[in-house]
PDB file of N, CA and C in Angstrom:
ATOM      1  N   MET A   1     104.802  90.952  93.348  1.00  0.00           N
ATOM      2  CA  MET A   1     106.013  91.574  93.104  1.00  0.00           C
ATOM      3  C   MET A   1     105.723  93.021  92.704  1.00  0.00           C
ATOM      4  N   THR A   2     106.571  93.924  93.181  1.00  0.00           N
ATOM      5  CA  THR A   2     106.342  95.311  92.821  1.00  0.00           C
ATOM      6  C   THR A   2     107.504  96.032  92.112  1.00  0.00           C
ATOM      7  N   LYS A   3     107.357  96.628  91.186  1.00  0.00           N
ATOM      8  CA  LYS A   3     108.451  97.306  90.482  1.00  0.00           C
ATOM      9  C   LYS A   3     108.884  98.378  91.288  1.00  0.00           C
ATOM     10  N   THR A   4     110.162  98.827  91.306  1.00  0.00           N
ATOM     11  CA  THR A   4     110.677 100.028  91.940  1.00  0.00           C
ATOM     12  C   THR A   4     111.597 100.487  90.924  1.00  0.00           C
ATOM     13  N   LYS A   5     111.159 101.311  90.052  1.00  0.00           N
ATOM     14  CA  LYS A   5     112.091 101.790  88.903  1.00  0.00           C
ATOM     15  C   LYS A   5     112.184 103.232  89.564  1.00  0.00           C
ATOM     16  N   THR A   6     113.574 103.703  89.625  1.00  0.00           N
ATOM     17  CA  THR A   6     113.817 104.902  90.269  1.00  0.00           C
ATOM     18  C   THR A   6     113.966 105.945  88.861  1.00  0.00           C
ATOM     19  N   GLN A   7     113.085 106.931  89.077  1.00  0.00           N
ATOM     20  CA  GLN A   7     113.090 107.958  87.930  1.00  0.00           C
ATOM     21  C   GLN A   7     113.546 109.186  88.337  1.00  0.00           C
ATOM     22  N   SER A   8     114.406 109.777  87.593  1.00  0.00           N
ATOM     23  CA  SER A   8     115.062 111.055  88.020  1.00  0.00           C
ATOM     24  C   SER A   8     114.243 112.112  88.068  1.00  0.00           C
ATOM     25  N   LYS A   9     114.275 113.040  89.006  1.00  0.00           N
ATOM     26  CA  LYS A   9     113.436 114.166  89.260  1.00  0.00           C
ATOM     27  C   LYS A   9     113.911 115.475  88.193  1.00  0.00           C
ATOM     28  N   GLU A  10     115.186 115.318  87.955  1.00  0.00           N
ATOM     29  CA  GLU A  10     115.849 116.546  87.193  1.00  0.00           C
ATOM     30  C   GLU A  10     116.298 115.842  86.106  1.00  0.00           C
ATOM     31  N   LEU A  11     116.439 116.641  84.926  1.00  0.00           N
ATOM     32  CA  LEU A  11     116.932 116.451  83.636  1.00  0.00           C
ATOM     33  C   LEU A  11     117.987 117.287  83.293  1.00  0.00           C
ATOM     34  N   LYS A  12     119.174 116.822  83.000  1.00  0.00           N
ATOM     35  CA  LYS A  12     120.180 117.731  82.656  1.00  0.00           C
ATOM     36  C   LYS A  12     120.254 117.548  81.161  1.00  0.00           C
ATOM     37  N   ILE A  13     120.174 118.668  80.539  1.00  0.00           N
ATOM     38  CA  ILE A  13     119.937 119.084  78.875  1.00  0.00           C
ATOM     39  C   ILE A  13     121.179 119.821  78.488  1.00  0.00           C
ATOM     40  N   LYS A  14     121.840 119.473  77.573  1.00  0.00           N
ATOM     41  CA  LYS A  14     122.834 120.150  76.817  1.00  0.00           C
ATOM     42  C   LYS A  14     122.551 120.634  75.301  1.00  0.00           C
ATOM     43  N   LEU A  15     122.642 122.084  75.040  1.00  0.00           N
ATOM     44  CA  LEU A  15     122.445 122.638  73.860  1.00  0.00           C
ATOM     45  C   LEU A  15     123.635 122.270  72.946  1.00  0.00           C
ATOM     46  N   VAL A  16     123.650 121.436  71.997  1.00  0.00           N
ATOM     47  CA  VAL A  16     124.848 120.913  71.157  1.00  0.00           C
ATOM     48  C   VAL A  16     124.759 121.496  69.714  1.00  0.00           C
ATOM     49  N   LYS A  17     123.522 122.211  69.149  1.00  0.00           N
ATOM     50  CA  LYS A  17     123.590 122.545  67.810  1.00  0.00           C
ATOM     51  C   LYS A  17     122.735 123.869  68.076  1.00  0.00           C
ATOM     52  N   SER A  18     123.198 124.965  67.323  1.00  0.00           N
ATOM     53  CA  SER A  18     122.505 126.302  67.157  1.00  0.00           C
ATOM     54  C   SER A  18     121.222 126.343  66.574  1.00  0.00           C
ATOM     55  N   GLY A  19     120.318 127.227  67.128  1.00  0.00           N
ATOM     56  CA  GLY A  19     119.025 127.424  66.538  1.00  0.00           C
ATOM     57  C   GLY A  19     119.053 128.189  65.243  1.00  0.00           C
ATOM     58  N   ILE A  20     120.177 128.553  64.870  1.00  0.00           N
ATOM     59  CA  ILE A  20     120.238 129.405  63.504  1.00  0.00           C
ATOM     60  C   ILE A  20     119.931 128.380  62.331  1.00  0.00           C
ATOM     61  N   GLY A  21     118.942 128.866  61.541  1.00  0.00           N
ATOM     62  CA  GLY A  21     118.321 128.536  60.361  1.00  0.00           C
ATOM     63  C   GLY A  21     117.369 127.345  60.651  1.00  0.00           C
ATOM     64  N   PHE A  22     116.803 127.344  61.974  1.00  0.00           N
ATOM     65  CA  PHE A  22     115.574 126.678  62.233  1.00  0.00           C
ATOM     66  C   PHE A  22     114.468 127.392  62.525  1.00  0.00           C
ATOM     67  N   PRO A  23     113.129 127.220  62.441  1.00  0.00           N
ATOM     68  CA  PRO A  23     112.139 128.066  62.760  1.00  0.00           C
ATOM     69  C   PRO A  23     112.103 128.642  64.009  1.00  0.00           C
ATOM     70  N   GLU A  24     111.409 129.820  64.076  1.00  0.00           N
ATOM     71  CA  GLU A  24     111.304 130.713  65.081  1.00  0.00           C
ATOM     72  C   GLU A  24     110.914 129.866  66.349  1.00  0.00           C
ATOM     73  N   LYS A  25     109.643 129.101  66.145  1.00  0.00           N
ATOM     74  CA  LYS A  25     109.214 128.547  67.136  1.00  0.00           C
ATOM     75  C   LYS A  25     110.207 127.623  67.895  1.00  0.00           C
ATOM     76  N   GLN A  26     111.046 127.002  67.480  1.00  0.00           N
ATOM     77  CA  GLN A  26     112.153 126.183  67.962  1.00  0.00           C
ATOM     78  C   GLN A  26     113.043 127.172  68.788  1.00  0.00           C
ATOM     79  N   LYS A  27     113.425 128.338  68.005  1.00  0.00           N
ATOM     80  CA  LYS A  27     114.202 129.402  68.783  1.00  0.00           C
ATOM     81  C   LYS A  27     113.700 129.630  70.242  1.00  0.00           C
ATOM     82  N   ARG A  28     112.492 129.938  70.283  1.00  0.00           N
ATOM     83  CA  ARG A  28     111.703 130.310  71.244  1.00  0.00           C
ATOM     84  C   ARG A  28     111.867 129.279  72.374  1.00  0.00           C
ATOM     85  N   ILE A  29     111.539 127.930  71.963  1.00  0.00           N
ATOM     86  CA  ILE A  29     111.712 127.028  72.775  1.00  0.00           C
ATOM     87  C   ILE A  29     113.022 126.966  73.551  1.00  0.00           C
ATOM     88  N   ILE A  30     114.235 126.945  72.743  1.00  0.00           N
ATOM     89  CA  ILE A  30     115.452 127.076  73.258  1.00  0.00           C
ATOM     90  C   ILE A  30     115.496 128.039  74.183  1.00  0.00           C
ATOM     91  N   LYS A  31     115.048 129.409  74.107  1.00  0.00           N
ATOM     92  CA  LYS A  31     115.073 130.270  75.261  1.00  0.00           C
ATOM     93  C   LYS A  31     114.113 130.277  76.280  1.00  0.00           C
ATOM     94  N   GLY A  32     112.929 129.303  75.938  1.00  0.00           N
ATOM     95  CA  GLY A  32     112.088 129.253  76.957  1.00  0.00           C
ATOM     96  C   GLY A  32     112.666 128.200  78.188  1.00  0.00           C
ATOM     97  N   LEU A  33     113.462 127.180  77.608  1.00  0.00           N
ATOM     98  CA  LEU A  33     114.156 126.227  78.321  1.00  0.00           C
ATOM     99  C   LEU A  33     115.289 126.881  79.316  1.00  0.00           C
ATOM    100  N   GLY A  34     115.794 127.978  78.770  1.00  0.00           N
ATOM    101  CA  GLY A  34     116.805 128.802  79.530  1.00  0.00           C
ATOM    102  C   GLY A  34     118.560 129.004  78.975  1.00  0.00           C
ATOM    103  N   PHE A  35     118.209 128.305  77.863  1.00  0.00           N
ATOM    104  CA  PHE A  35     119.719 128.166  77.211  1.00  0.00           C
ATOM    105  C   PHE A  35     120.027 129.610  76.878  1.00  0.00           C
ATOM    106  N   LYS A  36     121.314 129.934  77.262  1.00  0.00           N
ATOM    107  CA  LYS A  36     122.055 131.204  77.059  1.00  0.00           C
ATOM    108  C   LYS A  36     123.006 131.226  75.752  1.00  0.00           C
ATOM    109  N   ARG A  37     123.830 130.035  75.755  1.00  0.00           N
ATOM    110  CA  ARG A  37     124.783 129.859  74.458  1.00  0.00           C
ATOM    111  C   ARG A  37     124.843 128.424  74.205  1.00  0.00           C
ATOM    112  N   LEU A  38     125.544 128.177  73.100  1.00  0.00           N
ATOM    113  CA  LEU A  38     126.073 126.792  72.808  1.00  0.00           C
ATOM    114  C   LEU A  38     126.686 126.128  73.835  1.00  0.00           C
ATOM    115  N   ASN A  39     126.432 124.765  73.907  1.00  0.00           N
ATOM    116  CA  ASN A  39     127.187 123.953  75.056  1.00  0.00           C
ATOM    117  C   ASN A  39     126.599 124.381  76.377  1.00  0.00           C
ATOM    118  N   ASP A  40     125.668 124.984  76.676  1.00  0.00           N
ATOM    119  CA  ASP A  40     125.188 125.316  77.906  1.00  0.00           C
ATOM    120  C   ASP A  40     124.692 123.969  78.526  1.00  0.00           C
ATOM    121  N   VAL A  41     124.684 123.761  79.812  1.00  0.00           N
ATOM    122  CA  VAL A  41     124.008 122.410  80.325  1.00  0.00           C
ATOM    123  C   VAL A  41     123.064 122.990  81.526  1.00  0.00           C
ATOM    124  N   ILE A  42     121.779 122.732  81.434  1.00  0.00           N
ATOM    125  CA  ILE A  42     120.836 123.372  82.344  1.00  0.00           C
ATOM    126  C   ILE A  42     120.186 122.003  83.082  1.00  0.00           C
ATOM    127  N   THR A  43     119.565 122.281  84.209  1.00  0.00           N
ATOM    128  CA  THR A  43     118.833 121.135  84.635  1.00  0.00           C
ATOM    129  C   THR A  43     117.600 121.877  84.996  1.00  0.00           C
ATOM    130  N   ARG A  44     116.574 120.966  84.644  1.00  0.00           N
ATOM    131  CA  ARG A  44     115.098 121.417  84.602  1.00  0.00           C
ATOM    132  C   ARG A  44     114.404 120.066  85.206  1.00  0.00           C
ATOM    133  N   PRO A  45     113.185 120.299  86.061  1.00  0.00           N
ATOM    134  CA  PRO A  45     112.329 119.281  86.243  1.00  0.00           C
ATOM    135  C   PRO A  45     111.768 118.233  85.515  1.00  0.00           C
ATOM    136  N   ASN A  46     111.637 116.978  85.718  1.00  0.00           N
ATOM    137  CA  ASN A  46     111.287 115.873  84.817  1.00  0.00           C
ATOM    138  C   ASN A  46     109.463 116.138  84.781  1.00  0.00           C
ATOM    139  N   THR A  47     109.082 116.974  84.032  1.00  0.00           N
ATOM    140  CA  THR A  47     107.593 116.946  83.812  1.00  0.00           C
ATOM    141  C   THR A  47     107.260 116.820  82.280  1.00  0.00           C
ATOM    142  N   PRO A  48     105.964 116.593  82.211  1.00  0.00           N
ATOM    143  CA  PRO A  48     105.672 116.336  80.813  1.00  0.00           C
ATOM    144  C   PRO A  48     105.867 117.604  80.020  1.00  0.00           C
ATOM    145  N   GLN A  49     105.482 118.855  80.658  1.00  0.00           N
ATOM    146  CA  GLN A  49     105.695 119.868  79.736  1.00  0.00           C
ATOM    147  C   GLN A  49     107.049 120.081  79.246  1.00  0.00           C
ATOM    148  N   ILE A  50     108.221 119.958  80.237  1.00  0.00           N
ATOM    149  CA  ILE A  50     109.719 120.086  79.724  1.00  0.00           C
ATOM    150  C   ILE A  50     110.028 118.836  78.770  1.00  0.00           C
ATOM    151  N   ARG A  51     109.618 117.729  79.059  1.00  0.00           N
ATOM    152  CA  ARG A  51     109.629 116.581  78.065  1.00  0.00           C
ATOM    153  C   ARG A  51     109.244 117.068  76.624  1.00  0.00           C
ATOM    154  N   GLY A  52     107.906 117.692  76.478  1.00  0.00           N
ATOM    155  CA  GLY A  52     107.487 118.001  75.288  1.00  0.00           C
ATOM    156  C   GLY A  52     108.241 118.950  74.702  1.00  0.00           C
ATOM    157  N   MET A  53     108.889 120.039  75.444  1.00  0.00           N
ATOM    158  CA  MET A  53     109.600 121.057  74.694  1.00  0.00           C
ATOM    159  C   MET A  53     111.177 120.371  74.323  1.00  0.00           C
ATOM    160  N   ILE A  54     111.566 119.529  75.277  1.00  0.00           N
ATOM    161  CA  ILE A  54     112.889 118.744  74.643  1.00  0.00           C
ATOM    162  C   ILE A  54     112.528 117.851  73.461  1.00  0.00           C
ATOM    163  N   PHE A  55     111.529 117.237  73.366  1.00  0.00           N
ATOM    164  CA  PHE A  55     110.942 116.636  72.015  1.00  0.00           C
ATOM    165  C   PHE A  55     111.062 117.282  70.721  1.00  0.00           C
ATOM    166  N   ARG A  56     110.467 118.659  71.057  1.00  0.00           N
ATOM    167  CA  ARG A  56     110.400 119.495  69.686  1.00  0.00           C
ATOM    168  C   ARG A  56     111.697 119.989  69.366  1.00  0.00           C
ATOM    169  N   ILE A  57     112.775 119.927  70.096  1.00  0.00           N
ATOM    170  CA  ILE A  57     114.044 120.231  69.771  1.00  0.00           C
ATOM    171  C   ILE A  57     114.965 119.202  69.872  1.00  0.00           C
ATOM    172  N   ARG A  58     114.617 118.049  69.658  1.00  0.00           N
ATOM    173  CA  ARG A  58     115.449 116.848  70.304  1.00  0.00           C
ATOM    174  C   ARG A  58     116.716 116.768  69.139  1.00  0.00           C
ATOM    175  N   HIS A  59     116.561 117.288  68.272  1.00  0.00           N
ATOM    176  CA  HIS A  59     117.789 117.378  66.925  1.00  0.00           C
ATOM    177  C   HIS A  59     119.006 118.325  67.433  1.00  0.00           C
ATOM    178  N   LEU A  60     118.611 119.283  68.333  1.00  0.00           N
ATOM    179  CA  LEU A  60     119.336 120.282  68.893  1.00  0.00           C
ATOM    180  C   LEU A  60     120.103 120.206  70.411  1.00  0.00           C
ATOM    181  N   VAL A  61     119.454 119.189  71.108  1.00  0.00           N
ATOM    182  CA  VAL A  61     120.010 118.938  72.428  1.00  0.00           C
ATOM    183  C   VAL A  61     120.357 117.610  72.761  1.00  0.00           C
ATOM    184  N   ASP A  62     121.184 117.369  73.861  1.00  0.00           N
ATOM    185  CA  ASP A  62     121.321 116.031  74.339  1.00  0.00           C
ATOM    186  C   ASP A  62     121.036 116.042  75.799  1.00  0.00           C
ATOM    187  N   LEU A  63     120.611 114.733  76.182  1.00  0.00           N
ATOM    188  CA  LEU A  63     120.090 114.419  77.325  1.00  0.00           C
ATOM    189  C   LEU A  63     121.584 113.753  78.003  1.00  0.00           C
ATOM    190  N   ILE A  64     121.987 114.501  79.344  1.00  0.00           N
ATOM    191  CA  ILE A  64     122.867 114.006  80.132  1.00  0.00           C
ATOM    192  C   ILE A  64     122.515 112.929  81.137  1.00  0.00           C
ATOM    193  N   ASN A  65     122.905 111.784  81.212  1.00  0.00           N
ATOM    194  CA  ASN A  65     122.789 110.819  82.205  1.00  0.00           C
ATOM    195  C   ASN A  65     123.646 110.891  83.185  1.00  0.00           C
ATOM    196  N   GLU A  66     123.391 110.771  84.496  1.00  0.00           N
ATOM    197  CA  GLU A  66     124.429 110.719  85.576  1.00  0.00           C
ATOM    198  C   GLU A  66     124.705 109.610  86.023  1.00  0.00           C
TER     199      GLU A  66
END
């Protein structure tokens, strides 16, 4: 029996909280992901590097399921 779990190749991420008042490193991660303003929705590839960046700012973003 084989497991066939479909994993999304793309992640949709929404910035729901501002980086104001948080460390500079987190602000650089927000900019590095490509967010321009609050409530921006971006699409990024599902890679360990991107997931690590999301993990660091998980209190500022939401993942959107399709």
